[in-house]
Structure formats: C-alpha cells, structure tokens
Amino acid sequence: MSSTSPLDPVADGFRDAMAGLASGVCVVTTAAGGVPAGLTTTAVMSVSLDPPLVAVGVAHSSRTLGPLRAARRFAVHVLAHDAREVAAVFASKAPDKFAGLAARPGEGGVPVLTEDARHVLECETWTEVEAGDHLLLLGRVVRVHAARSAEGRALVHFDRTFHEVGANGTPPDER
C-alpha cells in the first residue's frame, strides 16, 4: 500500500484510509440569536448512554462553529437514504441552507428538519474538546425522535461518495 502524494504521505494516506471507512451522514443544525446555521458531517459518534452523550467533530474553519458555540444547543439529523441533496447543501457555502426545507423549532429554537432525517437527536453542549484542526462538541441528548421511518435506508459516505444502506423495504422474513 502506498500514499497518493510524496509531499505529505501520512496526511494523504490518512485521508485515503478514512475514505475507506463507511460513515453515516448527518446534518447538524443550530440557531444563535435566531439565525439558523448548519453543516454536513460524518464525524458523529455515540459516547455514553448514562448520561446520553454524542460527539460531533467540527472544523475550526467551519462557519457553523461560531453559532454552535454561542447557542450551546444543536440537533444531529441522521439522514435518510434519499437526502443526498440536503447533505450537499449543508456541505456547501450556500447563504440560506434551509431554503425550501421543512423545519420546525426544537429545543431552544434549534431548527429540526422534519422530512430528511431518520432520527433527530436534540442536544445541549456538555463540553468542548480541542482536537487538532477540529473541535469536538459533546452534546447531552435531551430529546430523540424519529423524523421518518427508522426501518428505511440510511445515507452513508464511503470512498468519497454517498451510498444507500439498509433494508430495501422487504420484510426480513420474506427475503
């Protein structure tokens, strides 16, 4: 196995290795001062059941980091298989990422996408951890709800592209 670049073989090799790790695609939303903000990420991890904690990695360069830190509340949306466009919009620098999306206010006014996620975790920031060029936000989950059927397919990122995983709609006993 070799690196893709002679300039920084560890960084490039690391990127290649992480591209080979399938990860669920999530949108994280928040609202600071009544202004909604959000981003797409695959850097989400369950941390603890008691108390229920989830970690979200956010690049220091992200325009959403400031609002996340100011609001101290956020929602993690586990995207459904057909939410590729939503993932792309929240990964972009679009001025209004929420345009045309169905959303309602959640805890503390955090926007909750009602049609594009399988599950939504509404969180209060528990703590922040510096992690290189990212900040890990640990959120205490205060509310969980299914925005869509949890039995459908999910969206994952693998090999630098989106893929669908999960049941195809056929009950397990009929496969």
N, C-alpha and C. Protein backbone atom coordinates (compact mmCIF):
# COMPACT_ATOMS: atom_id res chain seq x y z
N MET A 1 0.85 -1.17 0.00
CA MET A 1 0.00 0.00 0.00
C MET A 1 0.89 1.22 0.00
N SER A 2 0.53 2.22 -0.80
CA SER A 2 1.36 3.42 -0.87
C SER A 2 0.49 4.66 -0.78
N SER A 3 1.13 5.77 -0.45
CA SER A 3 0.44 7.04 -0.33
C SER A 3 0.18 7.63 -1.71
N THR A 4 -0.78 8.53 -1.78
CA THR A 4 -1.12 9.17 -3.04
C THR A 4 -0.26 10.40 -3.31
N SER A 5 0.57 10.83 -2.37
CA SER A 5 1.36 12.04 -2.57
C SER A 5 2.71 11.91 -1.89
N PRO A 6 3.78 12.31 -2.62
CA PRO A 6 5.09 12.29 -1.98
C PRO A 6 5.30 13.48 -1.04
N LEU A 7 4.42 14.50 -1.12
CA LEU A 7 4.61 15.71 -0.32
C LEU A 7 4.24 15.50 1.14
N ASP A 8 3.15 14.82 1.42
CA ASP A 8 2.73 14.55 2.79
C ASP A 8 2.10 13.17 2.83
N PRO A 9 2.94 12.14 2.81
CA PRO A 9 2.40 10.78 2.71
C PRO A 9 1.50 10.37 3.87
N VAL A 10 1.76 10.84 5.08
CA VAL A 10 0.91 10.46 6.21
C VAL A 10 -0.47 11.09 6.07
N ALA A 11 -0.53 12.39 5.77
CA ALA A 11 -1.83 13.06 5.64
C ALA A 11 -2.63 12.47 4.49
N ASP A 12 -1.99 12.26 3.35
CA ASP A 12 -2.72 11.70 2.21
C ASP A 12 -3.13 10.26 2.47
N GLY A 13 -2.25 9.49 3.08
CA GLY A 13 -2.61 8.12 3.43
C GLY A 13 -3.76 8.08 4.42
N PHE A 14 -3.74 9.02 5.38
CA PHE A 14 -4.81 9.11 6.37
C PHE A 14 -6.13 9.41 5.67
N ARG A 15 -6.13 10.39 4.76
CA ARG A 15 -7.35 10.72 4.00
C ARG A 15 -7.87 9.49 3.25
N ASP A 16 -6.95 8.78 2.58
CA ASP A 16 -7.36 7.59 1.83
C ASP A 16 -7.95 6.53 2.76
N ALA A 17 -7.32 6.32 3.90
CA ALA A 17 -7.81 5.33 4.85
C ALA A 17 -9.20 5.70 5.37
N MET A 18 -9.39 6.97 5.70
CA MET A 18 -10.69 7.41 6.22
C MET A 18 -11.77 7.36 5.14
N ALA A 19 -11.39 7.55 3.86
CA ALA A 19 -12.35 7.43 2.76
C ALA A 19 -12.86 6.01 2.65
N GLY A 20 -12.06 5.05 3.12
CA GLY A 20 -12.46 3.65 3.08
C GLY A 20 -13.25 3.21 4.29
N LEU A 21 -13.56 4.14 5.17
CA LEU A 21 -14.36 3.85 6.36
C LEU A 21 -15.76 4.40 6.14
N ALA A 22 -16.72 3.52 5.93
CA ALA A 22 -18.10 3.96 5.71
C ALA A 22 -18.62 4.65 6.97
N SER A 23 -19.21 5.82 6.78
CA SER A 23 -19.71 6.61 7.92
C SER A 23 -21.10 7.13 7.61
N GLY A 24 -21.95 7.15 8.63
CA GLY A 24 -23.27 7.73 8.48
C GLY A 24 -23.16 9.22 8.20
N VAL A 25 -24.07 9.72 7.39
CA VAL A 25 -24.08 11.14 7.04
C VAL A 25 -25.12 11.84 7.91
N CYS A 26 -24.69 12.91 8.56
CA CYS A 26 -25.56 13.68 9.44
C CYS A 26 -25.52 15.16 9.07
N VAL A 27 -26.59 15.84 9.35
CA VAL A 27 -26.63 17.30 9.30
C VAL A 27 -26.79 17.77 10.74
N VAL A 28 -25.95 18.73 11.12
CA VAL A 28 -26.01 19.32 12.45
C VAL A 28 -26.54 20.74 12.28
N THR A 29 -27.60 21.08 13.03
CA THR A 29 -28.18 22.42 12.95
C THR A 29 -28.15 23.09 14.31
N THR A 30 -28.19 24.40 14.27
CA THR A 30 -28.24 25.21 15.49
C THR A 30 -28.85 26.56 15.13
N ALA A 31 -29.07 27.39 16.11
CA ALA A 31 -29.53 28.76 15.88
C ALA A 31 -28.96 29.63 16.98
N ALA A 32 -28.22 30.64 16.58
CA ALA A 32 -27.66 31.60 17.54
C ALA A 32 -28.28 32.94 17.22
N GLY A 33 -28.88 33.56 18.23
CA GLY A 33 -29.53 34.85 18.01
C GLY A 33 -30.66 34.77 17.00
N GLY A 34 -31.31 33.61 16.91
CA GLY A 34 -32.42 33.43 16.00
C GLY A 34 -32.00 33.16 14.56
N VAL A 35 -30.70 33.09 14.28
CA VAL A 35 -30.22 32.85 12.92
C VAL A 35 -29.83 31.38 12.79
N PRO A 36 -30.49 30.64 11.90
CA PRO A 36 -30.18 29.22 11.75
C PRO A 36 -28.85 29.00 11.03
N ALA A 37 -28.18 27.92 11.40
CA ALA A 37 -26.91 27.54 10.76
C ALA A 37 -26.83 26.02 10.78
N GLY A 38 -26.02 25.48 9.88
CA GLY A 38 -25.89 24.03 9.86
C GLY A 38 -24.75 23.57 8.98
N LEU A 39 -24.40 22.30 9.14
CA LEU A 39 -23.31 21.70 8.38
C LEU A 39 -23.58 20.21 8.20
N THR A 40 -22.91 19.62 7.21
CA THR A 40 -22.95 18.18 6.99
C THR A 40 -21.68 17.59 7.58
N THR A 41 -21.82 16.42 8.22
CA THR A 41 -20.66 15.78 8.81
C THR A 41 -20.83 14.27 8.85
N THR A 42 -19.70 13.58 8.83
CA THR A 42 -19.69 12.15 9.10
C THR A 42 -18.96 11.89 10.41
N ALA A 43 -18.52 12.96 11.07
CA ALA A 43 -17.78 12.86 12.33
C ALA A 43 -18.73 12.94 13.51
N VAL A 44 -19.54 11.89 13.67
CA VAL A 44 -20.51 11.79 14.76
C VAL A 44 -20.30 10.44 15.43
N MET A 45 -20.34 10.44 16.76
CA MET A 45 -20.10 9.20 17.48
C MET A 45 -20.90 9.19 18.78
N SER A 46 -21.51 8.05 19.08
CA SER A 46 -22.13 7.93 20.40
C SER A 46 -21.00 7.78 21.41
N VAL A 47 -21.18 8.39 22.58
CA VAL A 47 -20.12 8.41 23.59
C VAL A 47 -20.56 7.70 24.86
N SER A 48 -21.78 7.95 25.31
CA SER A 48 -22.22 7.44 26.61
C SER A 48 -23.73 7.25 26.59
N LEU A 49 -24.19 6.25 27.31
CA LEU A 49 -25.62 6.04 27.46
C LEU A 49 -26.14 6.70 28.74
N ASP A 50 -25.27 6.82 29.76
CA ASP A 50 -25.69 7.41 31.03
C ASP A 50 -24.63 8.38 31.53
N PRO A 51 -24.78 9.68 31.25
CA PRO A 51 -25.88 10.32 30.51
C PRO A 51 -25.72 10.09 29.01
N PRO A 52 -26.80 10.25 28.26
CA PRO A 52 -26.70 10.06 26.81
C PRO A 52 -25.89 11.21 26.18
N LEU A 53 -24.72 10.85 25.63
CA LEU A 53 -23.82 11.84 25.04
C LEU A 53 -23.46 11.44 23.62
N VAL A 54 -23.35 12.43 22.75
CA VAL A 54 -22.93 12.24 21.38
C VAL A 54 -21.82 13.25 21.10
N ALA A 55 -20.81 12.84 20.31
CA ALA A 55 -19.71 13.73 19.93
C ALA A 55 -19.85 14.09 18.46
N VAL A 56 -19.59 15.36 18.16
CA VAL A 56 -19.62 15.86 16.79
C VAL A 56 -18.31 16.61 16.56
N GLY A 57 -17.58 16.24 15.53
CA GLY A 57 -16.35 16.94 15.17
C GLY A 57 -16.66 18.06 14.19
N VAL A 58 -16.18 19.28 14.51
CA VAL A 58 -16.43 20.44 13.65
C VAL A 58 -15.09 21.13 13.38
N ALA A 59 -14.80 21.36 12.12
CA ALA A 59 -13.55 22.02 11.74
C ALA A 59 -13.53 23.44 12.30
N HIS A 60 -12.36 23.86 12.75
CA HIS A 60 -12.22 25.24 13.23
C HIS A 60 -12.54 26.24 12.12
N SER A 61 -12.38 25.84 10.87
CA SER A 61 -12.65 26.72 9.73
C SER A 61 -14.14 26.79 9.36
N SER A 62 -14.98 25.99 9.99
CA SER A 62 -16.41 25.95 9.66
C SER A 62 -17.10 27.25 10.08
N ARG A 63 -17.93 27.78 9.18
CA ARG A 63 -18.73 28.97 9.51
C ARG A 63 -19.79 28.65 10.55
N THR A 64 -20.11 27.38 10.75
CA THR A 64 -21.14 26.99 11.72
C THR A 64 -20.58 26.85 13.13
N LEU A 65 -19.26 26.78 13.27
CA LEU A 65 -18.69 26.58 14.61
C LEU A 65 -19.05 27.71 15.56
N GLY A 66 -18.94 28.95 15.13
CA GLY A 66 -19.29 30.08 16.00
C GLY A 66 -20.71 30.00 16.51
N PRO A 67 -21.71 29.83 15.62
CA PRO A 67 -23.08 29.68 16.10
C PRO A 67 -23.28 28.48 17.02
N LEU A 68 -22.60 27.36 16.75
CA LEU A 68 -22.72 26.19 17.63
C LEU A 68 -22.22 26.52 19.03
N ARG A 69 -21.09 27.19 19.09
CA ARG A 69 -20.53 27.53 20.40
C ARG A 69 -21.39 28.56 21.13
N ALA A 70 -21.93 29.53 20.39
CA ALA A 70 -22.76 30.57 21.01
C ALA A 70 -24.09 30.01 21.52
N ALA A 71 -24.73 29.17 20.73
CA ALA A 71 -26.05 28.66 21.08
C ALA A 71 -26.00 27.60 22.19
N ARG A 72 -24.92 26.81 22.20
CA ARG A 72 -24.76 25.71 23.16
C ARG A 72 -25.90 24.70 23.08
N ARG A 73 -26.55 24.66 21.93
CA ARG A 73 -27.59 23.67 21.61
C ARG A 73 -27.45 23.32 20.14
N PHE A 74 -27.73 22.07 19.82
CA PHE A 74 -27.69 21.66 18.42
C PHE A 74 -28.54 20.41 18.23
N ALA A 75 -28.86 20.14 16.97
CA ALA A 75 -29.59 18.92 16.62
C ALA A 75 -28.76 18.14 15.62
N VAL A 76 -28.66 16.84 15.84
CA VAL A 76 -27.96 15.93 14.93
C VAL A 76 -29.04 15.16 14.17
N HIS A 77 -29.05 15.31 12.85
CA HIS A 77 -30.02 14.63 11.99
C HIS A 77 -29.32 13.48 11.28
N VAL A 78 -29.74 12.26 11.56
CA VAL A 78 -29.22 11.08 10.88
C VAL A 78 -30.00 10.99 9.57
N LEU A 79 -29.31 11.27 8.45
CA LEU A 79 -30.02 11.43 7.19
C LEU A 79 -30.55 10.13 6.60
N ALA A 80 -31.71 10.25 5.98
CA ALA A 80 -32.32 9.15 5.24
C ALA A 80 -31.59 8.99 3.91
N HIS A 81 -31.77 7.83 3.29
CA HIS A 81 -31.05 7.48 2.06
C HIS A 81 -31.27 8.45 0.91
N ASP A 82 -32.41 9.11 0.86
CA ASP A 82 -32.73 9.99 -0.26
C ASP A 82 -32.46 11.47 0.04
N ALA A 83 -31.64 11.74 1.04
CA ALA A 83 -31.35 13.13 1.43
C ALA A 83 -29.99 13.60 0.93
N ARG A 84 -29.52 13.07 -0.19
CA ARG A 84 -28.22 13.47 -0.74
C ARG A 84 -28.16 14.97 -1.02
N GLU A 85 -29.24 15.52 -1.58
CA GLU A 85 -29.25 16.95 -1.89
C GLU A 85 -29.15 17.79 -0.62
N VAL A 86 -29.82 17.36 0.42
CA VAL A 86 -29.75 18.07 1.70
C VAL A 86 -28.31 18.03 2.23
N ALA A 87 -27.68 16.85 2.16
CA ALA A 87 -26.29 16.73 2.59
C ALA A 87 -25.40 17.67 1.79
N ALA A 88 -25.62 17.73 0.48
CA ALA A 88 -24.80 18.59 -0.38
C ALA A 88 -25.00 20.06 -0.05
N VAL A 89 -26.23 20.47 0.19
CA VAL A 89 -26.50 21.88 0.52
C VAL A 89 -25.83 22.26 1.84
N PHE A 90 -25.95 21.42 2.85
CA PHE A 90 -25.36 21.74 4.15
C PHE A 90 -23.84 21.62 4.14
N ALA A 91 -23.29 20.96 3.13
CA ALA A 91 -21.83 20.89 2.97
C ALA A 91 -21.31 22.09 2.17
N SER A 92 -22.21 22.87 1.60
CA SER A 92 -21.83 24.00 0.74
C SER A 92 -21.73 25.29 1.55
N LYS A 93 -21.41 26.35 0.84
CA LYS A 93 -21.38 27.68 1.44
C LYS A 93 -22.62 28.48 1.05
N ALA A 94 -23.72 27.78 0.76
CA ALA A 94 -24.97 28.44 0.39
C ALA A 94 -25.37 29.44 1.48
N PRO A 95 -25.85 30.62 1.08
CA PRO A 95 -26.22 31.63 2.09
C PRO A 95 -27.43 31.24 2.94
N ASP A 96 -28.38 30.50 2.37
CA ASP A 96 -29.55 30.04 3.13
C ASP A 96 -29.71 28.55 2.91
N LYS A 97 -29.09 27.77 3.77
CA LYS A 97 -29.12 26.32 3.64
C LYS A 97 -30.50 25.73 3.94
N PHE A 98 -31.36 26.50 4.58
CA PHE A 98 -32.67 26.00 4.98
C PHE A 98 -33.76 26.31 3.96
N ALA A 99 -33.43 27.03 2.89
CA ALA A 99 -34.43 27.42 1.89
C ALA A 99 -35.10 26.19 1.29
N GLY A 100 -36.43 26.17 1.34
CA GLY A 100 -37.20 25.09 0.75
C GLY A 100 -37.29 23.82 1.58
N LEU A 101 -36.67 23.79 2.76
CA LEU A 101 -36.71 22.59 3.59
C LEU A 101 -37.79 22.72 4.66
N ALA A 102 -38.42 21.61 4.98
CA ALA A 102 -39.39 21.58 6.07
C ALA A 102 -38.62 21.52 7.39
N ALA A 103 -38.83 22.52 8.22
CA ALA A 103 -38.16 22.57 9.53
C ALA A 103 -39.12 23.15 10.55
N ARG A 104 -38.89 22.76 11.79
CA ARG A 104 -39.67 23.32 12.90
C ARG A 104 -38.69 23.64 14.02
N PRO A 105 -39.07 24.53 14.92
CA PRO A 105 -38.16 24.83 16.04
C PRO A 105 -38.15 23.69 17.05
N GLY A 106 -36.97 23.28 17.46
CA GLY A 106 -36.81 22.29 18.50
C GLY A 106 -36.45 22.97 19.80
N GLU A 107 -35.82 22.22 20.71
CA GLU A 107 -35.40 22.77 22.00
C GLU A 107 -34.56 24.02 21.79
N GLY A 108 -34.91 25.09 22.47
CA GLY A 108 -34.14 26.33 22.39
C GLY A 108 -34.14 26.98 21.02
N GLY A 109 -35.10 26.62 20.16
CA GLY A 109 -35.19 27.23 18.84
C GLY A 109 -34.29 26.61 17.78
N VAL A 110 -33.63 25.51 18.11
CA VAL A 110 -32.77 24.84 17.14
C VAL A 110 -33.62 24.29 16.01
N PRO A 111 -33.27 24.56 14.74
CA PRO A 111 -34.07 24.04 13.63
C PRO A 111 -33.98 22.52 13.54
N VAL A 112 -35.14 21.88 13.42
CA VAL A 112 -35.24 20.44 13.27
C VAL A 112 -35.81 20.16 11.89
N LEU A 113 -35.04 19.46 11.06
CA LEU A 113 -35.50 19.09 9.73
C LEU A 113 -36.50 17.95 9.89
N THR A 114 -37.70 18.13 9.39
CA THR A 114 -38.77 17.17 9.66
C THR A 114 -38.96 16.12 8.59
N GLU A 115 -38.34 16.27 7.43
CA GLU A 115 -38.59 15.31 6.35
C GLU A 115 -37.36 14.57 5.87
N ASP A 116 -36.18 14.94 6.29
CA ASP A 116 -34.97 14.40 5.68
C ASP A 116 -34.15 13.48 6.57
N ALA A 117 -34.55 13.31 7.81
CA ALA A 117 -33.77 12.50 8.76
C ALA A 117 -34.57 11.29 9.21
N ARG A 118 -33.83 10.23 9.49
CA ARG A 118 -34.43 9.04 10.11
C ARG A 118 -34.66 9.30 11.59
N HIS A 119 -33.66 9.88 12.22
CA HIS A 119 -33.74 10.25 13.63
C HIS A 119 -33.12 11.63 13.84
N VAL A 120 -33.57 12.29 14.87
CA VAL A 120 -33.00 13.58 15.27
C VAL A 120 -32.67 13.50 16.75
N LEU A 121 -31.44 13.90 17.09
CA LEU A 121 -31.00 13.99 18.48
C LEU A 121 -30.87 15.47 18.81
N GLU A 122 -31.68 15.96 19.71
CA GLU A 122 -31.57 17.35 20.14
C GLU A 122 -30.67 17.37 21.37
N CYS A 123 -29.66 18.23 21.34
CA CYS A 123 -28.59 18.20 22.34
C CYS A 123 -28.31 19.56 22.96
N GLU A 124 -27.83 19.52 24.20
CA GLU A 124 -27.24 20.67 24.86
C GLU A 124 -25.75 20.40 24.94
N THR A 125 -24.92 21.40 24.68
CA THR A 125 -23.48 21.19 24.72
C THR A 125 -23.06 20.82 26.14
N TRP A 126 -22.42 19.68 26.28
CA TRP A 126 -21.94 19.15 27.56
C TRP A 126 -20.54 19.70 27.82
N THR A 127 -19.68 19.57 26.81
CA THR A 127 -18.32 20.10 26.90
C THR A 127 -17.74 20.21 25.50
N GLU A 128 -16.62 20.90 25.40
CA GLU A 128 -15.88 21.04 24.14
C GLU A 128 -14.47 20.51 24.35
N VAL A 129 -13.94 19.84 23.33
CA VAL A 129 -12.60 19.27 23.42
C VAL A 129 -11.82 19.68 22.16
N GLU A 130 -10.69 20.35 22.35
CA GLU A 130 -9.83 20.70 21.22
C GLU A 130 -9.24 19.41 20.65
N ALA A 131 -9.26 19.30 19.31
CA ALA A 131 -8.75 18.09 18.65
C ALA A 131 -8.11 18.49 17.32
N GLY A 132 -6.89 18.99 17.37
CA GLY A 132 -6.19 19.39 16.16
C GLY A 132 -6.91 20.52 15.45
N ASP A 133 -7.22 20.31 14.16
CA ASP A 133 -7.90 21.36 13.40
C ASP A 133 -9.41 21.31 13.56
N HIS A 134 -9.89 20.49 14.50
CA HIS A 134 -11.31 20.37 14.79
C HIS A 134 -11.58 20.63 16.27
N LEU A 135 -12.84 20.90 16.57
CA LEU A 135 -13.33 20.97 17.94
C LEU A 135 -14.36 19.86 18.07
N LEU A 136 -14.23 19.05 19.12
CA LEU A 136 -15.25 18.05 19.39
C LEU A 136 -16.27 18.66 20.34
N LEU A 137 -17.52 18.67 19.90
CA LEU A 137 -18.61 19.10 20.76
C LEU A 137 -19.26 17.86 21.31
N LEU A 138 -19.27 17.71 22.61
CA LEU A 138 -20.01 16.62 23.23
C LEU A 138 -21.35 17.18 23.66
N GLY A 139 -22.39 16.58 23.14
CA GLY A 139 -23.73 17.05 23.44
C GLY A 139 -24.48 16.05 24.29
N ARG A 140 -25.16 16.57 25.30
CA ARG A 140 -26.05 15.74 26.11
C ARG A 140 -27.38 15.69 25.38
N VAL A 141 -27.82 14.50 25.03
CA VAL A 141 -29.05 14.33 24.27
C VAL A 141 -30.23 14.57 25.21
N VAL A 142 -31.07 15.55 24.86
CA VAL A 142 -32.22 15.89 25.70
C VAL A 142 -33.54 15.45 25.06
N ARG A 143 -33.48 15.11 23.78
CA ARG A 143 -34.70 14.68 23.10
C ARG A 143 -34.30 13.88 21.86
N VAL A 144 -34.99 12.78 21.63
CA VAL A 144 -34.77 11.95 20.45
C VAL A 144 -36.12 11.70 19.82
N HIS A 145 -36.19 11.84 18.51
CA HIS A 145 -37.42 11.47 17.83
C HIS A 145 -37.13 11.03 16.41
N ALA A 146 -38.00 10.22 15.90
CA ALA A 146 -37.90 9.77 14.51
C ALA A 146 -38.60 10.80 13.64
N ALA A 147 -37.87 11.32 12.69
CA ALA A 147 -38.48 12.25 11.74
C ALA A 147 -39.07 11.47 10.57
N ARG A 148 -38.53 10.28 10.32
CA ARG A 148 -39.02 9.37 9.29
C ARG A 148 -38.92 7.95 9.83
N SER A 149 -39.40 7.02 9.08
CA SER A 149 -39.34 5.62 9.50
C SER A 149 -37.90 5.19 9.73
N ALA A 150 -37.66 4.64 10.89
CA ALA A 150 -36.33 4.14 11.23
C ALA A 150 -36.04 2.83 10.51
N GLU A 151 -37.03 2.27 9.83
CA GLU A 151 -36.83 1.00 9.15
C GLU A 151 -36.41 1.18 7.69
N GLY A 152 -36.32 2.42 7.23
CA GLY A 152 -35.90 2.68 5.87
C GLY A 152 -34.39 2.63 5.74
N ARG A 153 -33.91 3.04 4.60
CA ARG A 153 -32.49 3.04 4.33
C ARG A 153 -31.84 4.33 4.82
N ALA A 154 -30.54 4.25 5.05
CA ALA A 154 -29.78 5.40 5.54
C ALA A 154 -28.76 5.83 4.49
N LEU A 155 -28.24 7.04 4.66
CA LEU A 155 -27.22 7.59 3.78
C LEU A 155 -25.87 7.46 4.46
N VAL A 156 -24.89 6.89 3.73
CA VAL A 156 -23.53 6.79 4.24
C VAL A 156 -22.58 7.40 3.23
N HIS A 157 -21.39 7.74 3.72
CA HIS A 157 -20.33 8.25 2.86
C HIS A 157 -19.21 7.22 2.87
N PHE A 158 -18.83 6.77 1.68
CA PHE A 158 -17.78 5.76 1.54
C PHE A 158 -17.06 5.99 0.23
N ASP A 159 -15.74 5.94 0.26
CA ASP A 159 -14.92 6.10 -0.93
C ASP A 159 -15.24 7.41 -1.65
N ARG A 160 -15.42 8.45 -0.83
CA ARG A 160 -15.62 9.83 -1.29
C ARG A 160 -16.93 10.06 -2.05
N THR A 161 -17.93 9.23 -1.79
CA THR A 161 -19.24 9.44 -2.40
C THR A 161 -20.35 8.91 -1.49
N PHE A 162 -21.57 9.32 -1.76
CA PHE A 162 -22.73 8.89 -0.97
C PHE A 162 -23.23 7.53 -1.47
N HIS A 163 -23.73 6.74 -0.52
CA HIS A 163 -24.32 5.44 -0.83
C HIS A 163 -25.52 5.23 0.09
N GLU A 164 -26.42 4.35 -0.35
CA GLU A 164 -27.56 3.95 0.49
C GLU A 164 -27.23 2.62 1.14
N VAL A 165 -27.64 2.46 2.39
CA VAL A 165 -27.52 1.18 3.08
C VAL A 165 -28.83 0.91 3.81
N GLY A 166 -29.05 -0.37 4.09
CA GLY A 166 -30.21 -0.74 4.90
C GLY A 166 -31.22 -1.54 4.13
N ALA A 167 -32.33 -1.75 4.79
CA ALA A 167 -33.41 -2.59 4.25
C ALA A 167 -33.92 -2.02 2.94
N ASN A 168 -34.34 -2.89 2.07
CA ASN A 168 -34.89 -2.44 0.79
C ASN A 168 -36.42 -2.38 0.81
N GLY A 169 -36.97 -2.42 1.98
CA GLY A 169 -38.43 -2.34 2.12
C GLY A 169 -39.11 -3.70 2.23
N THR A 170 -38.37 -4.76 1.98
CA THR A 170 -38.92 -6.12 2.07
C THR A 170 -38.74 -6.62 3.50
N PRO A 171 -39.79 -7.11 4.13
CA PRO A 171 -39.64 -7.63 5.50
C PRO A 171 -38.58 -8.73 5.54
N PRO A 172 -37.80 -8.81 6.62
CA PRO A 172 -36.71 -9.79 6.72
C PRO A 172 -37.15 -11.22 6.46
N ASP A 173 -38.36 -11.60 6.89
CA ASP A 173 -38.79 -12.98 6.72
C ASP A 173 -39.18 -13.29 5.27
N GLU A 174 -39.26 -12.28 4.40
CA GLU A 174 -39.62 -12.51 3.01
C GLU A 174 -38.42 -12.38 2.08
N ARG A 175 -37.22 -12.17 2.61
CA ARG A 175 -36.03 -12.01 1.77
C ARG A 175 -35.45 -13.33 1.39
